[in-house]
C-alpha atoms as a PDB file:
ATOM      1  CA  UNK A   1    -121.329 132.113-164.904  1.00  0.00           C
ATOM      2  CA  UNK A   2    -118.432 134.770-165.214  1.00  0.00           C
ATOM      3  CA  UNK A   3    -117.362 136.602-162.156  1.00  0.00           C
ATOM      4  CA  UNK A   4    -115.550 139.755-162.075  1.00  0.00           C
ATOM      5  CA  UNK A   5    -114.035 141.814-159.239  1.00  0.00           C
ATOM      6  CA  UNK A   6    -115.131 145.387-159.799  1.00  0.00           C
ATOM      7  CA  UNK A   7    -116.425 148.676-157.916  1.00  0.00           C
ATOM      8  CA  UNK A   8    -119.967 148.877-156.404  1.00  0.00           C
ATOM      9  CA  UNK A   9    -121.065 152.164-155.219  1.00  0.00           C
ATOM     10  CA  UNK A  10    -122.069 151.986-151.839  1.00  0.00           C
ATOM     11  CA  UNK A  11    -122.643 155.606-150.142  1.00  0.00           C
ATOM     12  CA  UNK A  12    -122.852 159.227-151.188  1.00  0.00           C
ATOM     13  CA  UNK A  13    -120.422 161.445-149.089  1.00  0.00           C
ATOM     14  CA  UNK A  14    -121.103 164.622-150.125  1.00  0.00           C
ATOM     15  CA  UNK A  15    -122.031 166.245-153.722  1.00  0.00           C
ATOM     16  CA  UNK A  16    -120.976 163.721-156.424  1.00  0.00           C
ATOM     17  CA  UNK A  17    -118.236 162.076-154.162  1.00  0.00           C
ATOM     18  CA  UNK A  18    -119.220 158.471-153.233  1.00  0.00           C
ATOM     19  CA  UNK A  19    -117.552 155.428-151.649  1.00  0.00           C
ATOM     20  CA  UNK A  20    -116.887 152.193-153.241  1.00  0.00           C
ATOM     21  CA  UNK A  21    -116.795 148.677-152.298  1.00  0.00           C
ATOM     22  CA  UNK A  22    -114.793 145.877-154.135  1.00  0.00           C
ATOM     23  CA  UNK A  23    -116.914 143.191-154.849  1.00  0.00           C
ATOM     24  CA  UNK A  24    -116.903 139.980-156.474  1.00  0.00           C
ATOM     25  CA  UNK A  25    -120.117 139.611-158.932  1.00  0.00           C
ATOM     26  CA  UNK A  26    -121.584 138.399-162.031  1.00  0.00           C
ATOM     27  CA  UNK A  27    -119.945 139.662-165.186  1.00  0.00           C
ATOM     28  CA  UNK A  28    -123.413 140.504-166.780  1.00  0.00           C
ATOM     29  CA  UNK A  29    -125.119 142.317-163.440  1.00  0.00           C
ATOM     30  CA  UNK A  30    -125.263 146.290-163.188  1.00  0.00           C
ATOM     31  CA  UNK A  31    -122.928 148.353-161.108  1.00  0.00           C
ATOM     32  CA  UNK A  32    -125.753 148.446-158.154  1.00  0.00           C
ATOM     33  CA  UNK A  33    -126.634 145.001-158.425  1.00  0.00           C
ATOM     34  CA  UNK A  34    -126.509 142.276-155.663  1.00  0.00           C
ATOM     35  CA  UNK A  35    -122.897 141.081-155.060  1.00  0.00           C
ATOM     36  CA  UNK A  36    -121.401 137.768-154.370  1.00  0.00           C
ATOM     37  CA  UNK A  37    -118.899 138.781-151.776  1.00  0.00           C
ATOM     38  CA  UNK A  38    -117.336 142.300-150.444  1.00  0.00           C
ATOM     39  CA  UNK A  39    -113.554 141.982-150.879  1.00  0.00           C
ATOM     40  CA  UNK A  40    -112.864 145.401-149.983  1.00  0.00           C
ATOM     41  CA  UNK A  41    -113.175 149.213-150.266  1.00  0.00           C
ATOM     42  CA  UNK A  42    -112.230 152.198-151.593  1.00  0.00           C
ATOM     43  CA  UNK A  43    -113.195 156.101-150.253  1.00  0.00           C
ATOM     44  CA  UNK A  44    -111.864 158.587-152.638  1.00  0.00           C
ATOM     45  CA  UNK A  45    -113.455 161.167-150.608  1.00  0.00           C
ATOM     46  CA  UNK A  46    -110.368 161.086-148.458  1.00  0.00           C
ATOM     47  CA  UNK A  47    -107.215 162.896-149.111  1.00  0.00           C
ATOM     48  CA  UNK A  48    -105.423 160.481-149.905  1.00  0.00           C
ATOM     49  CA  UNK A  49    -107.714 157.939-150.728  1.00  0.00           C
ATOM     50  CA  UNK A  50    -108.361 154.955-148.264  1.00  0.00           C
ATOM     51  CA  UNK A  51    -107.942 151.690-150.038  1.00  0.00           C
ATOM     52  CA  UNK A  52    -108.921 148.582-147.985  1.00  0.00           C
ATOM     53  CA  UNK A  53    -108.221 145.197-149.551  1.00  0.00           C
ATOM     54  CA  UNK A  54    -109.006 141.525-148.139  1.00  0.00           C
ATOM     55  CA  UNK A  55    -106.142 139.716-149.907  1.00  0.00           C
ATOM     56  CA  UNK A  56    -107.108 136.033-148.798  1.00  0.00           C
ATOM     57  CA  UNK A  57    -110.428 136.552-150.213  1.00  0.00           C
ATOM     58  CA  UNK A  58    -109.273 138.414-153.429  1.00  0.00           C
ATOM     59  CA  UNK A  59    -106.917 135.349-153.859  1.00  0.00           C
ATOM     60  CA  UNK A  60    -109.883 133.139-153.520  1.00  0.00           C
ATOM     61  CA  UNK A  61    -111.746 134.491-156.418  1.00  0.00           C
ATOM     62  CA  UNK A  62    -109.002 134.617-158.513  1.00  0.00           C
ATOM     63  CA  UNK A  63    -108.104 131.211-157.531  1.00  0.00           C
ATOM     64  CA  UNK A  64    -111.643 130.178-158.957  1.00  0.00           C
ATOM     65  CA  UNK A  65    -111.316 132.185-162.193  1.00  0.00           C
ATOM     66  CA  UNK A  66    -112.451 135.651-161.742  1.00  0.00           C
ATOM     67  CA  UNK A  67    -110.754 138.670-163.460  1.00  0.00           C
ATOM     68  CA  UNK A  68    -110.312 141.951-162.118  1.00  0.00           C
ATOM     69  CA  UNK A  69    -111.867 145.162-163.952  1.00  0.00           C
ATOM     70  CA  UNK A  70    -108.822 147.890-164.529  1.00  0.00           C
ATOM     71  CA  UNK A  71    -109.816 150.125-162.132  1.00  0.00           C
ATOM     72  CA  UNK A  72    -109.927 147.482-159.527  1.00  0.00           C
ATOM     73  CA  UNK A  73    -106.677 146.149-161.025  1.00  0.00           C
ATOM     74  CA  UNK A  74    -104.801 149.701-160.318  1.00  0.00           C
ATOM     75  CA  UNK A  75    -106.528 149.880-156.980  1.00  0.00           C
ATOM     76  CA  UNK A  76    -104.779 146.532-155.868  1.00  0.00           C
ATOM     77  CA  UNK A  77    -101.566 147.824-157.072  1.00  0.00           C
ATOM     78  CA  UNK A  78    -101.563 151.022-155.082  1.00  0.00           C
ATOM     79  CA  UNK A  79    -102.820 149.146-152.089  1.00  0.00           C
ATOM     80  CA  UNK A  80    -100.041 146.649-152.188  1.00  0.00           C
ATOM     81  CA  UNK A  81     -97.250 149.444-152.754  1.00  0.00           C
ATOM     82  CA  UNK A  82     -98.876 151.601-149.996  1.00  0.00           C
ATOM     83  CA  UNK A  83     -98.722 148.383-147.644  1.00  0.00           C
ATOM     84  CA  UNK A  84     -95.458 147.372-148.646  1.00  0.00           C
ATOM     85  CA  UNK A  85     -93.793 151.125-147.622  1.00  0.00           C
ATOM     86  CA  UNK A  86     -95.587 151.363-144.506  1.00  0.00           C
ATOM     87  CA  UNK A  87     -94.212 148.047-143.434  1.00  0.00           C
END
């Protein structure tokens, strides 16, 4: 089973503005299918957008052969950059 780390739509904040979870799930499942593990969250409705990532879980899945989607890869980079600037 190929595992992909990607976004899963979680809840609707307002008209066409959603919250997302960063999850590990099988590559052939749909966007809103059952996930294997929740790794983080992404709230695009806030300004600036809120990105939370559990790096230990992320690294565990990457070590086990999971790959990240392009969108998640971008969000993780932004999250690391923001956390390094605030520290």
